[in-house]
């Protein structure tokens, strides 16, 4: 299980940095709590979110971002692999099965 600590948040932020994304924490009216600026690799997250909410948002985003995990540093790659093992497989399939 991923610990919802500032250290885990920093590890996630490093992964995003290594794949070329900029994370900014700002205030705004985001329906999902975050906004991805298209074609600019910028993620804007509600600055009022606590550490757990920030981690959950980044986990949600990283599931939908395509990148070559080979570009990650060894430390980041290990953390990313751990994340992938803990995330639900494919939420869209689960929703289709329920319908």
N, C-alpha and C. Protein backbone atom coordinates (compact mmCIF):
# COMPACT_ATOMS: atom_id res chain seq x y z
N UNK A 1 0.85 -1.20 0.00
CA UNK A 1 0.00 0.00 0.00
C UNK A 1 0.88 1.24 0.00
N UNK A 2 0.50 2.19 -0.80
CA UNK A 2 1.24 3.45 -0.85
C UNK A 2 0.89 4.27 0.38
N UNK A 3 1.92 4.75 1.06
CA UNK A 3 1.69 5.61 2.22
C UNK A 3 1.38 7.01 1.72
N UNK A 4 0.38 7.62 2.31
CA UNK A 4 -0.01 8.96 1.91
C UNK A 4 0.79 9.98 2.72
N UNK A 5 2.09 10.03 2.43
CA UNK A 5 2.99 10.92 3.15
C UNK A 5 3.59 11.93 2.17
N UNK A 6 4.19 12.97 2.72
CA UNK A 6 4.84 13.96 1.86
C UNK A 6 5.99 13.33 1.07
N UNK A 7 6.64 12.32 1.67
CA UNK A 7 7.73 11.64 0.98
C UNK A 7 7.21 10.91 -0.27
N UNK A 8 6.07 10.22 -0.14
CA UNK A 8 5.48 9.55 -1.30
C UNK A 8 5.05 10.57 -2.36
N UNK A 9 4.52 11.69 -1.91
CA UNK A 9 4.12 12.75 -2.84
C UNK A 9 5.34 13.25 -3.60
N UNK A 10 6.45 13.44 -2.90
CA UNK A 10 7.67 13.91 -3.56
C UNK A 10 8.16 12.89 -4.59
N UNK A 11 8.05 11.60 -4.27
CA UNK A 11 8.46 10.56 -5.22
C UNK A 11 7.61 10.62 -6.49
N UNK A 12 6.30 10.83 -6.31
CA UNK A 12 5.42 10.95 -7.47
C UNK A 12 5.76 12.20 -8.28
N UNK A 13 6.04 13.28 -7.60
CA UNK A 13 6.40 14.52 -8.29
C UNK A 13 7.68 14.33 -9.10
N UNK A 14 8.63 13.57 -8.58
CA UNK A 14 9.87 13.30 -9.30
C UNK A 14 9.58 12.49 -10.57
N UNK A 15 8.69 11.51 -10.47
CA UNK A 15 8.32 10.72 -11.65
C UNK A 15 7.76 11.65 -12.72
N UNK A 16 6.85 12.53 -12.34
CA UNK A 16 6.27 13.46 -13.32
C UNK A 16 7.36 14.36 -13.92
N UNK A 17 8.29 14.80 -13.09
CA UNK A 17 9.38 15.63 -13.59
C UNK A 17 10.22 14.85 -14.60
N UNK A 18 10.50 13.59 -14.30
CA UNK A 18 11.33 12.78 -15.19
C UNK A 18 10.64 12.48 -16.53
N UNK A 19 9.31 12.45 -16.54
CA UNK A 19 8.61 12.20 -17.81
C UNK A 19 8.25 13.50 -18.52
N UNK A 20 8.72 14.62 -17.98
CA UNK A 20 8.57 15.90 -18.68
C UNK A 20 7.35 16.71 -18.32
N UNK A 21 6.73 16.43 -17.18
CA UNK A 21 5.56 17.19 -16.75
C UNK A 21 5.93 18.19 -15.66
N UNK A 22 5.26 19.31 -15.68
CA UNK A 22 5.39 20.32 -14.63
C UNK A 22 4.13 20.24 -13.79
N UNK A 23 4.31 20.18 -12.47
CA UNK A 23 3.16 20.16 -11.56
C UNK A 23 3.10 21.50 -10.86
N UNK A 24 1.93 22.11 -10.92
CA UNK A 24 1.73 23.38 -10.21
C UNK A 24 0.52 23.24 -9.30
N UNK A 25 0.64 23.80 -8.13
CA UNK A 25 -0.47 23.80 -7.17
C UNK A 25 -1.03 25.21 -7.12
N UNK A 26 -2.25 25.35 -7.60
CA UNK A 26 -2.88 26.67 -7.67
C UNK A 26 -4.34 26.57 -7.27
N UNK A 27 -4.91 27.72 -6.97
CA UNK A 27 -6.34 27.71 -6.68
C UNK A 27 -7.10 27.88 -7.98
N UNK A 28 -8.27 27.27 -8.01
CA UNK A 28 -9.08 27.34 -9.21
C UNK A 28 -10.33 26.53 -9.02
N UNK A 29 -11.20 26.59 -9.98
CA UNK A 29 -12.45 25.86 -9.91
C UNK A 29 -12.33 24.63 -10.82
N UNK A 30 -11.69 23.58 -10.30
CA UNK A 30 -11.49 22.36 -11.06
C UNK A 30 -12.54 21.36 -10.62
N UNK A 31 -13.30 20.83 -11.55
CA UNK A 31 -14.30 19.83 -11.20
C UNK A 31 -13.68 18.57 -10.61
N UNK A 32 -12.56 18.14 -11.18
CA UNK A 32 -11.91 16.91 -10.72
C UNK A 32 -10.79 17.21 -9.72
N UNK A 33 -10.56 18.47 -9.41
CA UNK A 33 -9.49 18.83 -8.50
C UNK A 33 -8.18 19.08 -9.20
N UNK A 34 -8.17 18.87 -10.52
CA UNK A 34 -6.96 19.13 -11.28
C UNK A 34 -7.30 19.46 -12.72
N UNK A 35 -6.31 19.96 -13.43
CA UNK A 35 -6.46 20.30 -14.83
C UNK A 35 -5.15 19.95 -15.52
N UNK A 36 -5.25 19.32 -16.69
CA UNK A 36 -4.05 19.05 -17.48
C UNK A 36 -4.10 19.99 -18.68
N UNK A 37 -3.08 20.82 -18.80
CA UNK A 37 -3.04 21.77 -19.90
C UNK A 37 -2.56 21.02 -21.13
N UNK A 38 -3.45 20.91 -22.12
CA UNK A 38 -3.17 20.11 -23.30
C UNK A 38 -1.93 20.59 -24.04
N UNK A 39 -1.19 19.64 -24.56
CA UNK A 39 0.00 19.87 -25.38
C UNK A 39 1.11 20.65 -24.68
N UNK A 40 1.02 20.83 -23.36
CA UNK A 40 2.08 21.57 -22.67
C UNK A 40 2.66 20.79 -21.51
N UNK A 41 2.16 19.60 -21.23
CA UNK A 41 2.65 18.75 -20.14
C UNK A 41 2.70 19.49 -18.81
N UNK A 42 1.62 20.19 -18.52
CA UNK A 42 1.49 20.90 -17.25
C UNK A 42 0.26 20.36 -16.53
N UNK A 43 0.44 19.99 -15.28
CA UNK A 43 -0.66 19.53 -14.44
C UNK A 43 -0.88 20.58 -13.37
N UNK A 44 -2.10 21.05 -13.26
CA UNK A 44 -2.44 22.04 -12.23
C UNK A 44 -3.38 21.37 -11.24
N UNK A 45 -2.98 21.36 -9.98
CA UNK A 45 -3.74 20.69 -8.93
C UNK A 45 -4.22 21.74 -7.94
N UNK A 46 -5.42 21.54 -7.43
CA UNK A 46 -5.99 22.43 -6.43
C UNK A 46 -5.03 22.55 -5.24
N UNK A 47 -4.58 23.76 -4.97
CA UNK A 47 -3.57 23.95 -3.92
C UNK A 47 -4.13 23.72 -2.51
N UNK A 48 -5.43 23.64 -2.39
CA UNK A 48 -6.03 23.42 -1.07
C UNK A 48 -6.15 21.94 -0.73
N UNK A 49 -5.79 21.07 -1.66
CA UNK A 49 -5.82 19.63 -1.40
C UNK A 49 -4.75 19.27 -0.37
N UNK A 50 -5.10 18.33 0.51
CA UNK A 50 -4.11 17.82 1.45
C UNK A 50 -3.22 16.80 0.73
N UNK A 51 -2.23 16.28 1.44
CA UNK A 51 -1.26 15.36 0.84
C UNK A 51 -1.93 14.14 0.23
N UNK A 52 -2.87 13.53 0.93
CA UNK A 52 -3.54 12.33 0.42
C UNK A 52 -4.29 12.63 -0.87
N UNK A 53 -5.00 13.74 -0.93
CA UNK A 53 -5.75 14.09 -2.13
C UNK A 53 -4.80 14.38 -3.30
N UNK A 54 -3.68 15.04 -3.02
CA UNK A 54 -2.70 15.32 -4.07
C UNK A 54 -2.14 14.01 -4.64
N UNK A 55 -1.84 13.06 -3.76
CA UNK A 55 -1.32 11.77 -4.21
C UNK A 55 -2.37 11.06 -5.06
N UNK A 56 -3.61 11.05 -4.60
CA UNK A 56 -4.68 10.38 -5.35
C UNK A 56 -4.86 10.99 -6.74
N UNK A 57 -4.77 12.32 -6.82
CA UNK A 57 -4.89 12.99 -8.12
C UNK A 57 -3.74 12.58 -9.03
N UNK A 58 -2.52 12.58 -8.50
CA UNK A 58 -1.37 12.21 -9.33
C UNK A 58 -1.44 10.75 -9.77
N UNK A 59 -1.94 9.89 -8.89
CA UNK A 59 -2.11 8.48 -9.27
C UNK A 59 -3.14 8.35 -10.38
N UNK A 60 -4.21 9.12 -10.29
CA UNK A 60 -5.25 9.11 -11.32
C UNK A 60 -4.67 9.56 -12.66
N UNK A 61 -3.87 10.61 -12.61
CA UNK A 61 -3.30 11.16 -13.84
C UNK A 61 -2.29 10.19 -14.45
N UNK A 62 -1.44 9.62 -13.62
CA UNK A 62 -0.36 8.77 -14.15
C UNK A 62 -0.90 7.53 -14.85
N UNK A 63 -2.10 7.12 -14.48
CA UNK A 63 -2.73 5.97 -15.16
C UNK A 63 -3.12 6.32 -16.59
N UNK A 64 -3.30 7.60 -16.87
CA UNK A 64 -3.79 8.03 -18.17
C UNK A 64 -2.72 8.69 -19.04
N UNK A 65 -1.50 8.78 -18.53
CA UNK A 65 -0.41 9.40 -19.27
C UNK A 65 0.43 8.29 -19.89
N UNK A 66 0.66 8.40 -21.19
CA UNK A 66 1.49 7.41 -21.87
C UNK A 66 2.92 7.92 -21.91
N UNK A 67 3.84 7.06 -21.47
CA UNK A 67 5.26 7.41 -21.52
C UNK A 67 6.07 6.12 -21.46
N UNK A 68 7.32 6.23 -21.84
CA UNK A 68 8.24 5.09 -21.81
C UNK A 68 8.86 5.03 -20.41
N UNK A 69 8.51 4.01 -19.65
CA UNK A 69 9.02 3.92 -18.28
C UNK A 69 10.53 3.72 -18.25
N UNK A 70 11.14 3.44 -19.39
CA UNK A 70 12.59 3.30 -19.47
C UNK A 70 13.34 4.60 -19.23
N UNK A 71 12.64 5.74 -19.31
CA UNK A 71 13.31 7.02 -19.09
C UNK A 71 13.42 7.36 -17.60
N UNK A 72 12.75 6.58 -16.76
CA UNK A 72 12.78 6.85 -15.32
C UNK A 72 14.10 6.41 -14.70
N UNK A 73 14.51 7.13 -13.67
CA UNK A 73 15.69 6.73 -12.92
C UNK A 73 15.38 5.40 -12.23
N UNK A 74 16.41 4.72 -11.74
CA UNK A 74 16.20 3.41 -11.11
C UNK A 74 15.26 3.51 -9.92
N UNK A 75 15.45 4.53 -9.09
CA UNK A 75 14.59 4.72 -7.91
C UNK A 75 13.14 4.97 -8.32
N UNK A 76 12.96 5.84 -9.28
CA UNK A 76 11.61 6.17 -9.74
C UNK A 76 10.95 4.97 -10.40
N UNK A 77 11.72 4.21 -11.16
CA UNK A 77 11.17 3.03 -11.83
C UNK A 77 10.67 2.01 -10.81
N UNK A 78 11.41 1.81 -9.74
CA UNK A 78 10.98 0.88 -8.68
C UNK A 78 9.69 1.37 -8.04
N UNK A 79 9.61 2.65 -7.74
CA UNK A 79 8.41 3.22 -7.13
C UNK A 79 7.23 3.14 -8.10
N UNK A 80 7.48 3.42 -9.38
CA UNK A 80 6.43 3.35 -10.39
C UNK A 80 5.90 1.91 -10.52
N UNK A 81 6.79 0.94 -10.54
CA UNK A 81 6.36 -0.46 -10.61
C UNK A 81 5.50 -0.82 -9.40
N UNK A 82 5.89 -0.35 -8.24
CA UNK A 82 5.11 -0.60 -7.01
C UNK A 82 3.72 0.03 -7.13
N UNK A 83 3.67 1.22 -7.67
CA UNK A 83 2.38 1.90 -7.87
C UNK A 83 1.49 1.09 -8.80
N UNK A 84 2.05 0.64 -9.92
CA UNK A 84 1.26 -0.11 -10.90
C UNK A 84 0.66 -1.38 -10.31
N UNK A 85 1.40 -2.03 -9.44
CA UNK A 85 0.90 -3.26 -8.82
C UNK A 85 -0.27 -3.00 -7.89
N UNK A 86 -0.32 -1.79 -7.33
CA UNK A 86 -1.35 -1.48 -6.34
C UNK A 86 -2.58 -0.80 -6.92
N UNK A 87 -2.47 -0.28 -8.13
CA UNK A 87 -3.61 0.40 -8.74
C UNK A 87 -4.62 -0.60 -9.25
N UNK A 88 -5.92 -0.25 -9.22
CA UNK A 88 -6.93 -1.13 -9.82
C UNK A 88 -6.63 -1.29 -11.30
N UNK A 89 -6.91 -2.47 -11.83
CA UNK A 89 -6.52 -2.80 -13.20
C UNK A 89 -7.04 -1.81 -14.22
N UNK A 90 -8.34 -1.80 -14.47
CA UNK A 90 -8.92 -0.88 -15.45
C UNK A 90 -10.33 -0.55 -15.00
N UNK A 91 -10.48 0.66 -14.48
CA UNK A 91 -11.77 1.06 -13.90
C UNK A 91 -12.86 1.08 -14.96
N UNK A 92 -12.52 1.38 -16.21
CA UNK A 92 -13.54 1.44 -17.26
C UNK A 92 -14.16 0.07 -17.47
N UNK A 93 -13.36 -0.98 -17.44
CA UNK A 93 -13.90 -2.33 -17.61
C UNK A 93 -14.85 -2.68 -16.48
N UNK A 94 -14.50 -2.27 -15.26
CA UNK A 94 -15.36 -2.56 -14.11
C UNK A 94 -16.71 -1.88 -14.29
N UNK A 95 -16.71 -0.64 -14.78
CA UNK A 95 -17.96 0.08 -14.97
C UNK A 95 -18.82 -0.60 -16.04
N UNK A 96 -18.20 -1.09 -17.11
CA UNK A 96 -18.94 -1.75 -18.18
C UNK A 96 -19.56 -3.03 -17.67
N UNK A 97 -18.82 -3.78 -16.84
CA UNK A 97 -19.33 -5.04 -16.30
C UNK A 97 -20.57 -4.83 -15.43
N UNK A 98 -20.63 -3.70 -14.73
CA UNK A 98 -21.74 -3.43 -13.83
C UNK A 98 -23.00 -3.05 -14.59
N UNK A 99 -22.84 -2.51 -15.79
CA UNK A 99 -24.00 -2.01 -16.55
C UNK A 99 -24.84 -3.12 -17.11
